[in-house]
Each structure stands twice: as C-alpha cells, then as structure tokens.
Amino acid sequence: MFQFLIDTLVRTSDLALVALGLSMVYGLVKFPNIAHVQYAMLGAYLSYLFHSLGLPMALAIAVSCCATGALTLLMHLLVFRRLLRSGPAITMIGSLALAMLVVAVTLGVAGSFPLMYKLPLSAPLVIGEVRIGYTQLYALGTTVLLLALFAGLLFYTRTGRAMRALSSNRALAAASGLNAESITRLVNFSSGALAALGGSMLAMTSGAHVNLGYDMLLPVFAAAILGGLGNPLGAVAGAFLIALTETVVTNLNFGWMFGKTVAFLPVAYISAASFLILLLALLFKPYGLFDREVRRV
C-alpha cells in the first residue's frame, strides 16, 4: 500500500510542475500553449549540456531553468503576444508550430539517441517494503517545496494577489493600476523555468530525449484540464488524479478476469485510462473539477 502511494507521488512530481506552469500562463493569456511541454524537453537537454561542461547537477539545472525561462519570455514577446491579436485559436495553432520547430532544432543538434545524465550509482532507499530511488526522492522533495512556496506566493503576497486579479478580470485589474504586462512577463518566465525543472528531474531517471515533451503532452494537458484551466493549484490536484489512475492501471492484477494467475495491462494503456477518467469528469464538470476562480484578492 505504501509503495503504491510512493509510486503515485513520484509520478505526480513528474507532471505537477509542468502542469502548474501551463495553467499559470493560461490564467493570464487565455490560450493553451502546446509548446509548453517542449520547454520541459529543452530544459532537460540544457541541464545535460551544462552538467557535461562541468557544473554540479543542481547548478546545471538552475542555469537551465533560467535559460529556458528567458527563452519562454522571448517567445511570448516575439511570437505569442502578436498572435494573440488574432485570437486564442490562432495562437494555439502557432504554439503547435513552435513546438514542432523546437523538436526539429533539438533533433538536429542533439540527435535522437537519449542522453543519460552521468550520476553516481546508488542503491535505492528501503524502508520496510517501500523502495524509492534517491533521485526520485530529491525530485519529490523539490516538487513539494516549490508547491508550498508557490502557494505562499499566490495567497500571501501582493504579486500573488495581482496574478489572481489579472486571471479573474484582466481589464478591471489593469484599470485598478496593476501593471499587467510586467506580471505576464514574470509568469511566462516562471512557467518556462518550472517546465525546465520538471523536465530535468524526469530526465534524471529516463534521460533527455526528443520524445520527452510528446510523452508529457497528454497527461500534462489532462491534469491541467481536469484541475480547471487557469487554476494552478487545481492543475497540481489534477496531476495527482492522473498519476493515481496511471498507477492503479499498472498495479492491478486482471488475472481473475481471464482465468490466469497474473495478467497486467500493457504500459500503452496508461494514457487511455487517464483520459477515461478525464472524459468521465468532464461529462459532469465541463470546466474541470476545480473550476472556481480563486477569490481571495
């Protein structure tokens, strides 16, 4: 039972930061940025690059987050801000085109072979019947810490109140004297940094590869939609529900249905199970499970 919970939390940490950043941006600019998951892939490659140049792993990830955040902000200023004048649908299509360009450039520069981080080998931490790798433990701890800091920022600082005000009613918030553009820039930079961090931590166990963004696209968007697009903490809760569903599917023994001792579903069915939960939820809650805007402004 405890191993099941740990596996769920580890998978949640893989999705939560990327889904959080996606939902943050949607709350302000009101379009789903498909390229967001490719920022996670790019961050993983940059972390590998800086680590291979001799930087400690933690510092390499930090530099990668800053570089990816700066690129995200640059894309907002040069591409998405102009596309938004034509509406969210055109902007979403533009984000798909940008995602393809990021993958193509990365594939041309780094190749298709996964790049594994050169980390020291260590035995997993064993507590009773529970096993967890130290890399996964560090990723889980980092995710929990950042989520706590973000919740504090969102609810107990002027910047957080401004973000929620802009998300609820941008025109009214701007008329009240808030600098909407500066806050939007801050959120875009932060979302890119969070995506790079999430991608880098995932790549520490799976390696940096060009399909990393594609592998995260469906579960991350499912988590963001399930939590209510524009609700960052709802996206984290959605990530937990998606991770819970995936873990249940991979751990259930369906042998009793086929008269066999052991029968598990193939890994390919994980996404299907996640989207079944999403479909059922949206049938009853079309705007997600946590669709109410945060009102503590």
Protein backbone atom coordinates (compact mmCIF):
# COMPACT_ATOMS: atom_id res chain seq x y z
CA MET A 1 0.00 0.00 0.00
CA PHE A 2 2.76 2.45 0.92
CA GLN A 3 4.70 1.52 -2.23
CA PHE A 4 1.57 2.31 -4.25
CA LEU A 5 1.34 5.73 -2.60
CA ILE A 6 5.03 6.46 -3.21
CA ASP A 7 4.73 5.47 -6.88
CA THR A 8 1.72 7.79 -7.23
CA LEU A 9 3.54 10.71 -5.61
CA VAL A 10 6.63 10.17 -7.77
CA ARG A 11 4.52 10.21 -10.92
CA THR A 12 2.72 13.31 -9.62
CA SER A 13 6.07 15.06 -9.24
CA ASP A 14 6.80 14.25 -12.90
CA LEU A 15 3.66 16.10 -14.03
CA ALA A 16 2.89 18.70 -11.36
CA LEU A 17 5.45 21.42 -12.12
CA VAL A 18 4.84 21.35 -15.87
CA ALA A 19 1.05 21.35 -15.40
CA LEU A 20 1.39 24.17 -12.87
CA GLY A 21 3.31 26.35 -15.33
CA LEU A 22 0.87 25.60 -18.15
CA SER A 23 -2.12 26.58 -16.02
CA MET A 24 -0.38 29.73 -14.74
CA VAL A 25 0.13 31.02 -18.28
CA TYR A 26 -3.38 30.07 -19.38
CA GLY A 27 -4.83 32.04 -16.48
CA LEU A 28 -3.30 35.25 -17.86
CA VAL A 29 -3.15 34.87 -21.65
CA LYS A 30 -6.15 32.53 -22.09
CA PHE A 31 -4.78 30.08 -24.64
CA PRO A 32 -3.40 26.54 -24.21
CA ASN A 33 0.30 26.67 -25.10
CA ILE A 34 1.12 23.34 -26.75
CA ALA A 35 4.80 24.30 -26.91
CA HIS A 36 4.94 24.37 -23.10
CA VAL A 37 5.81 20.67 -22.80
CA GLN A 38 8.66 21.16 -25.27
CA TYR A 39 10.17 23.71 -22.90
CA ALA A 40 10.44 20.80 -20.44
CA MET A 41 12.26 18.74 -23.08
CA LEU A 42 14.55 21.65 -23.90
CA GLY A 43 15.29 22.20 -20.21
CA ALA A 44 16.31 18.55 -19.87
CA TYR A 45 18.79 18.89 -22.73
CA LEU A 46 20.20 22.14 -21.39
CA SER A 47 20.69 20.56 -17.96
CA TYR A 48 22.60 17.73 -19.61
CA LEU A 49 24.71 20.24 -21.55
CA PHE A 50 25.65 22.35 -18.53
CA HIS A 51 26.34 19.26 -16.41
CA SER A 52 28.60 17.83 -19.14
CA LEU A 53 30.51 21.14 -19.13
CA GLY A 54 31.46 20.53 -15.51
CA LEU A 55 28.74 22.26 -13.49
CA PRO A 56 27.33 20.41 -10.48
CA MET A 57 23.97 18.82 -11.21
CA ALA A 58 21.97 21.23 -9.04
CA LEU A 59 23.68 24.28 -10.56
CA ALA A 60 23.30 22.89 -14.09
CA ILE A 61 19.54 22.52 -13.54
CA ALA A 62 19.31 26.03 -12.08
CA VAL A 63 21.11 27.56 -15.08
CA SER A 64 18.92 25.50 -17.42
CA CYS A 65 15.77 26.80 -15.70
CA CYS A 66 16.93 30.41 -16.08
CA ALA A 67 17.84 29.90 -19.75
CA THR A 68 14.56 28.16 -20.55
CA GLY A 69 12.60 30.81 -18.65
CA ALA A 70 14.33 33.53 -20.67
CA LEU A 71 13.52 31.68 -23.92
CA THR A 72 9.89 31.29 -22.84
CA LEU A 73 9.66 35.00 -22.17
CA LEU A 74 11.30 35.78 -25.52
CA MET A 75 8.78 33.56 -27.33
CA HIS A 76 5.96 35.38 -25.56
CA LEU A 77 7.26 38.78 -26.60
CA LEU A 78 8.17 37.92 -30.20
CA VAL A 79 5.54 35.33 -31.13
CA PHE A 80 2.57 34.82 -28.83
CA ARG A 81 1.88 38.46 -27.99
CA ARG A 82 1.44 39.16 -31.69
CA LEU A 83 -0.59 36.01 -32.36
CA LEU A 84 -2.99 36.84 -29.53
CA ARG A 85 -4.24 39.79 -31.56
CA SER A 86 -5.81 37.22 -33.91
CA GLY A 87 -7.47 35.25 -31.10
CA PRO A 88 -6.69 32.23 -28.91
CA ALA A 89 -7.36 29.63 -31.63
CA ILE A 90 -4.74 31.12 -33.96
CA THR A 91 -2.32 31.42 -31.03
CA MET A 92 -2.80 27.76 -30.12
CA ILE A 93 -2.03 26.72 -33.71
CA GLY A 94 1.04 28.95 -33.60
CA SER A 95 2.16 27.24 -30.39
CA LEU A 96 1.87 23.88 -32.15
CA ALA A 97 4.09 25.17 -34.95
CA LEU A 98 6.60 26.46 -32.42
CA ALA A 99 6.59 23.10 -30.65
CA MET A 100 7.45 21.36 -33.92
CA LEU A 101 10.28 23.82 -34.54
CA VAL A 102 11.74 23.26 -31.07
CA VAL A 103 11.69 19.49 -31.58
CA ALA A 104 13.21 19.77 -35.06
CA VAL A 105 16.05 22.03 -33.91
CA THR A 106 16.76 19.84 -30.88
CA LEU A 107 16.75 16.72 -33.03
CA GLY A 108 19.18 18.32 -35.48
CA VAL A 109 21.57 19.49 -32.76
CA ALA A 110 21.43 16.65 -30.21
CA GLY A 111 20.26 13.71 -32.32
CA SER A 112 17.62 11.14 -31.48
CA PHE A 113 19.62 8.98 -29.08
CA PRO A 114 18.69 9.52 -25.38
CA LEU A 115 21.35 11.30 -23.36
CA MET A 116 21.74 9.85 -19.87
CA TYR A 117 22.96 12.08 -17.08
CA LYS A 118 26.25 10.96 -15.57
CA LEU A 119 25.08 10.50 -11.99
CA PRO A 120 26.68 8.24 -9.36
CA LEU A 121 25.02 4.87 -8.94
CA SER A 122 23.42 4.21 -5.58
CA ALA A 123 21.13 1.62 -4.08
CA PRO A 124 17.52 2.72 -3.53
CA LEU A 125 16.32 3.79 -0.12
CA VAL A 126 14.47 0.89 1.51
CA ILE A 127 12.04 1.45 4.38
CA GLY A 128 10.21 -1.74 5.18
CA GLU A 129 8.71 -2.89 1.89
CA VAL A 130 8.91 0.56 0.32
CA ARG A 131 11.64 1.31 -2.22
CA ILE A 132 12.43 4.69 -3.72
CA GLY A 133 15.50 5.90 -5.56
CA TYR A 134 17.38 8.86 -4.16
CA THR A 135 16.90 10.75 -7.43
CA GLN A 136 13.14 10.26 -7.17
CA LEU A 137 13.24 11.28 -3.52
CA TYR A 138 15.09 14.51 -4.33
CA ALA A 139 12.63 15.25 -7.16
CA LEU A 140 9.67 14.62 -4.89
CA GLY A 141 11.09 16.82 -2.14
CA THR A 142 11.88 19.62 -4.60
CA THR A 143 8.35 19.49 -6.02
CA VAL A 144 6.73 19.63 -2.58
CA LEU A 145 8.95 22.56 -1.54
CA LEU A 146 8.23 24.55 -4.71
CA LEU A 147 4.49 23.91 -4.48
CA ALA A 148 4.49 25.16 -0.88
CA LEU A 149 6.44 28.27 -1.89
CA PHE A 150 4.09 28.90 -4.81
CA ALA A 151 1.01 28.55 -2.60
CA GLY A 152 2.52 31.04 -0.18
CA LEU A 153 3.30 33.43 -3.04
CA LEU A 154 -0.18 33.09 -4.51
CA PHE A 155 -2.14 33.70 -1.32
CA TYR A 156 0.06 35.82 0.93
CA THR A 157 1.92 38.30 -1.32
CA ARG A 158 0.93 41.32 -3.39
CA THR A 159 2.31 39.64 -6.50
CA GLY A 160 0.09 36.63 -5.92
CA ARG A 161 -2.97 38.80 -5.39
CA ALA A 162 -2.14 40.67 -8.59
CA MET A 163 -1.82 37.39 -10.50
CA ARG A 164 -5.22 36.22 -9.27
CA ALA A 165 -6.79 39.58 -10.04
CA LEU A 166 -5.46 39.53 -13.60
CA SER A 167 -6.61 35.95 -14.06
CA SER A 168 -10.12 36.80 -12.86
CA ASN A 169 -10.63 40.08 -14.75
CA ARG A 170 -7.68 41.46 -16.66
CA ALA A 171 -9.40 44.67 -17.79
CA LEU A 172 -10.62 45.57 -14.31
CA ALA A 173 -7.23 44.73 -12.76
CA ALA A 174 -5.44 46.92 -15.31
CA ALA A 175 -7.90 49.75 -14.65
CA SER A 176 -7.10 49.43 -10.94
CA GLY A 177 -3.47 50.30 -11.61
CA LEU A 178 -1.86 46.85 -11.86
CA ASN A 179 0.98 46.51 -14.35
CA ALA A 180 -0.50 43.66 -16.35
CA GLU A 181 2.38 43.37 -18.81
CA SER A 182 5.11 43.06 -16.18
CA ILE A 183 3.16 40.39 -14.28
CA THR A 184 2.51 38.49 -17.51
CA ARG A 185 6.23 38.56 -18.28
CA LEU A 186 7.06 37.29 -14.80
CA VAL A 187 4.56 34.45 -15.13
CA ASN A 188 5.88 33.45 -18.57
CA PHE A 189 9.46 33.36 -17.29
CA SER A 190 8.42 31.38 -14.21
CA SER A 191 6.37 28.90 -16.22
CA GLY A 192 9.32 28.17 -18.51
CA ALA A 193 11.64 27.72 -15.53
CA LEU A 194 9.17 25.34 -13.86
CA ALA A 195 8.81 23.34 -17.08
CA ALA A 196 12.59 23.06 -17.40
CA LEU A 197 12.86 21.92 -13.79
CA GLY A 198 10.14 19.31 -14.25
CA GLY A 199 11.71 18.03 -17.46
CA SER A 200 15.21 17.94 -15.95
CA MET A 201 14.10 15.97 -12.91
CA LEU A 202 12.24 13.49 -15.11
CA ALA A 203 15.28 13.15 -17.39
CA MET A 204 17.48 12.25 -14.41
CA THR A 205 15.84 8.81 -14.46
CA SER A 206 14.75 8.45 -18.10
CA GLY A 207 17.40 10.52 -19.89
CA ALA A 208 16.98 13.58 -22.13
CA HIS A 209 15.33 12.63 -25.43
CA VAL A 210 13.26 14.37 -28.08
CA ASN A 211 10.09 12.44 -27.20
CA LEU A 212 10.11 13.66 -23.62
CA GLY A 213 7.78 16.55 -24.46
CA TYR A 214 5.45 14.37 -26.53
CA ASP A 215 5.28 11.81 -23.70
CA MET A 216 4.21 14.55 -21.29
CA LEU A 217 1.78 16.35 -23.62
CA LEU A 218 -1.35 14.28 -22.99
CA PRO A 219 -1.04 13.70 -19.23
CA VAL A 220 0.01 17.31 -18.55
CA PHE A 221 -2.89 18.76 -20.53
CA ALA A 222 -5.23 16.22 -18.95
CA ALA A 223 -4.06 17.30 -15.50
CA ALA A 224 -4.47 21.00 -16.33
CA ILE A 225 -7.95 20.48 -17.80
CA LEU A 226 -9.03 18.18 -15.00
CA GLY A 227 -7.97 20.76 -12.43
CA GLY A 228 -9.67 23.60 -14.30
CA LEU A 229 -7.57 25.52 -16.83
CA GLY A 230 -6.29 28.69 -15.24
CA ASN A 231 -6.30 27.21 -11.73
CA PRO A 232 -2.62 26.42 -10.95
CA LEU A 233 -3.20 24.51 -7.71
CA GLY A 234 -6.11 22.73 -9.35
CA ALA A 235 -3.66 21.56 -12.03
CA VAL A 236 -1.50 20.04 -9.30
CA ALA A 237 -4.54 18.21 -7.92
CA GLY A 238 -5.34 17.09 -11.46
CA ALA A 239 -1.78 15.78 -11.82
CA PHE A 240 -2.27 13.72 -8.67
CA LEU A 241 -5.52 12.24 -10.01
CA ILE A 242 -3.91 11.38 -13.35
CA ALA A 243 -0.91 9.83 -11.57
CA LEU A 244 -3.25 7.87 -9.29
CA THR A 245 -5.14 6.48 -12.26
CA GLU A 246 -1.94 5.52 -14.10
CA THR A 247 -0.55 3.80 -11.00
CA VAL A 248 -3.78 1.87 -10.42
CA VAL A 249 -3.82 0.64 -14.00
CA THR A 250 -0.21 -0.57 -13.86
CA ASN A 251 -0.62 -2.26 -10.47
CA LEU A 252 -3.97 -4.04 -10.83
CA ASN A 253 -3.83 -7.76 -11.49
CA PHE A 254 -6.58 -8.62 -14.01
CA GLY A 255 -5.77 -12.33 -13.95
CA TRP A 256 -9.11 -13.19 -12.34
CA MET A 257 -10.90 -11.89 -15.46
CA PHE A 258 -9.05 -14.29 -17.77
CA GLY A 259 -8.59 -17.31 -15.53
CA LYS A 260 -4.86 -16.65 -15.12
CA THR A 261 -2.66 -16.16 -12.10
CA VAL A 262 -1.10 -12.93 -13.33
CA ALA A 263 -2.33 -10.54 -16.03
CA PHE A 264 -1.38 -6.86 -16.14
CA LEU A 265 -2.35 -4.27 -18.72
CA PRO A 266 0.38 -3.14 -21.16
CA VAL A 267 2.00 0.21 -20.47
CA ALA A 268 0.39 1.59 -23.64
CA TYR A 269 -2.98 1.54 -21.85
CA ILE A 270 -1.85 4.06 -19.22
CA SER A 271 -2.83 7.13 -21.22
CA ALA A 272 -6.15 5.58 -22.22
CA ALA A 273 -7.05 5.03 -18.57
CA SER A 274 -6.09 8.60 -17.68
CA PHE A 275 -8.27 10.03 -20.42
CA LEU A 276 -11.17 7.82 -19.45
CA ILE A 277 -11.10 9.48 -16.03
CA LEU A 278 -10.81 12.88 -17.72
CA LEU A 279 -13.77 12.17 -20.01
CA LEU A 280 -15.96 11.00 -17.15
CA ALA A 281 -15.04 14.07 -15.11
CA LEU A 282 -15.76 16.48 -17.96
CA LEU A 283 -19.15 14.89 -18.62
CA PHE A 284 -20.23 16.10 -15.18
CA LYS A 285 -17.83 19.06 -14.70
CA PRO A 286 -17.18 20.56 -18.18
CA TYR A 287 -14.75 23.16 -16.83
CA GLY A 288 -12.79 20.76 -14.65
CA LEU A 289 -13.14 19.59 -11.08
CA PHE A 290 -11.73 22.79 -9.60
CA ASP A 291 -13.17 25.42 -11.94
CA ARG A 292 -13.89 28.15 -9.41
CA GLU A 293 -11.57 31.14 -9.60
CA VAL A 294 -9.55 31.96 -6.50
CA ARG A 295 -11.36 34.90 -4.90
CA ARG A 296 -9.03 35.90 -2.08
CA VAL A 297 -7.83 39.07 -3.83
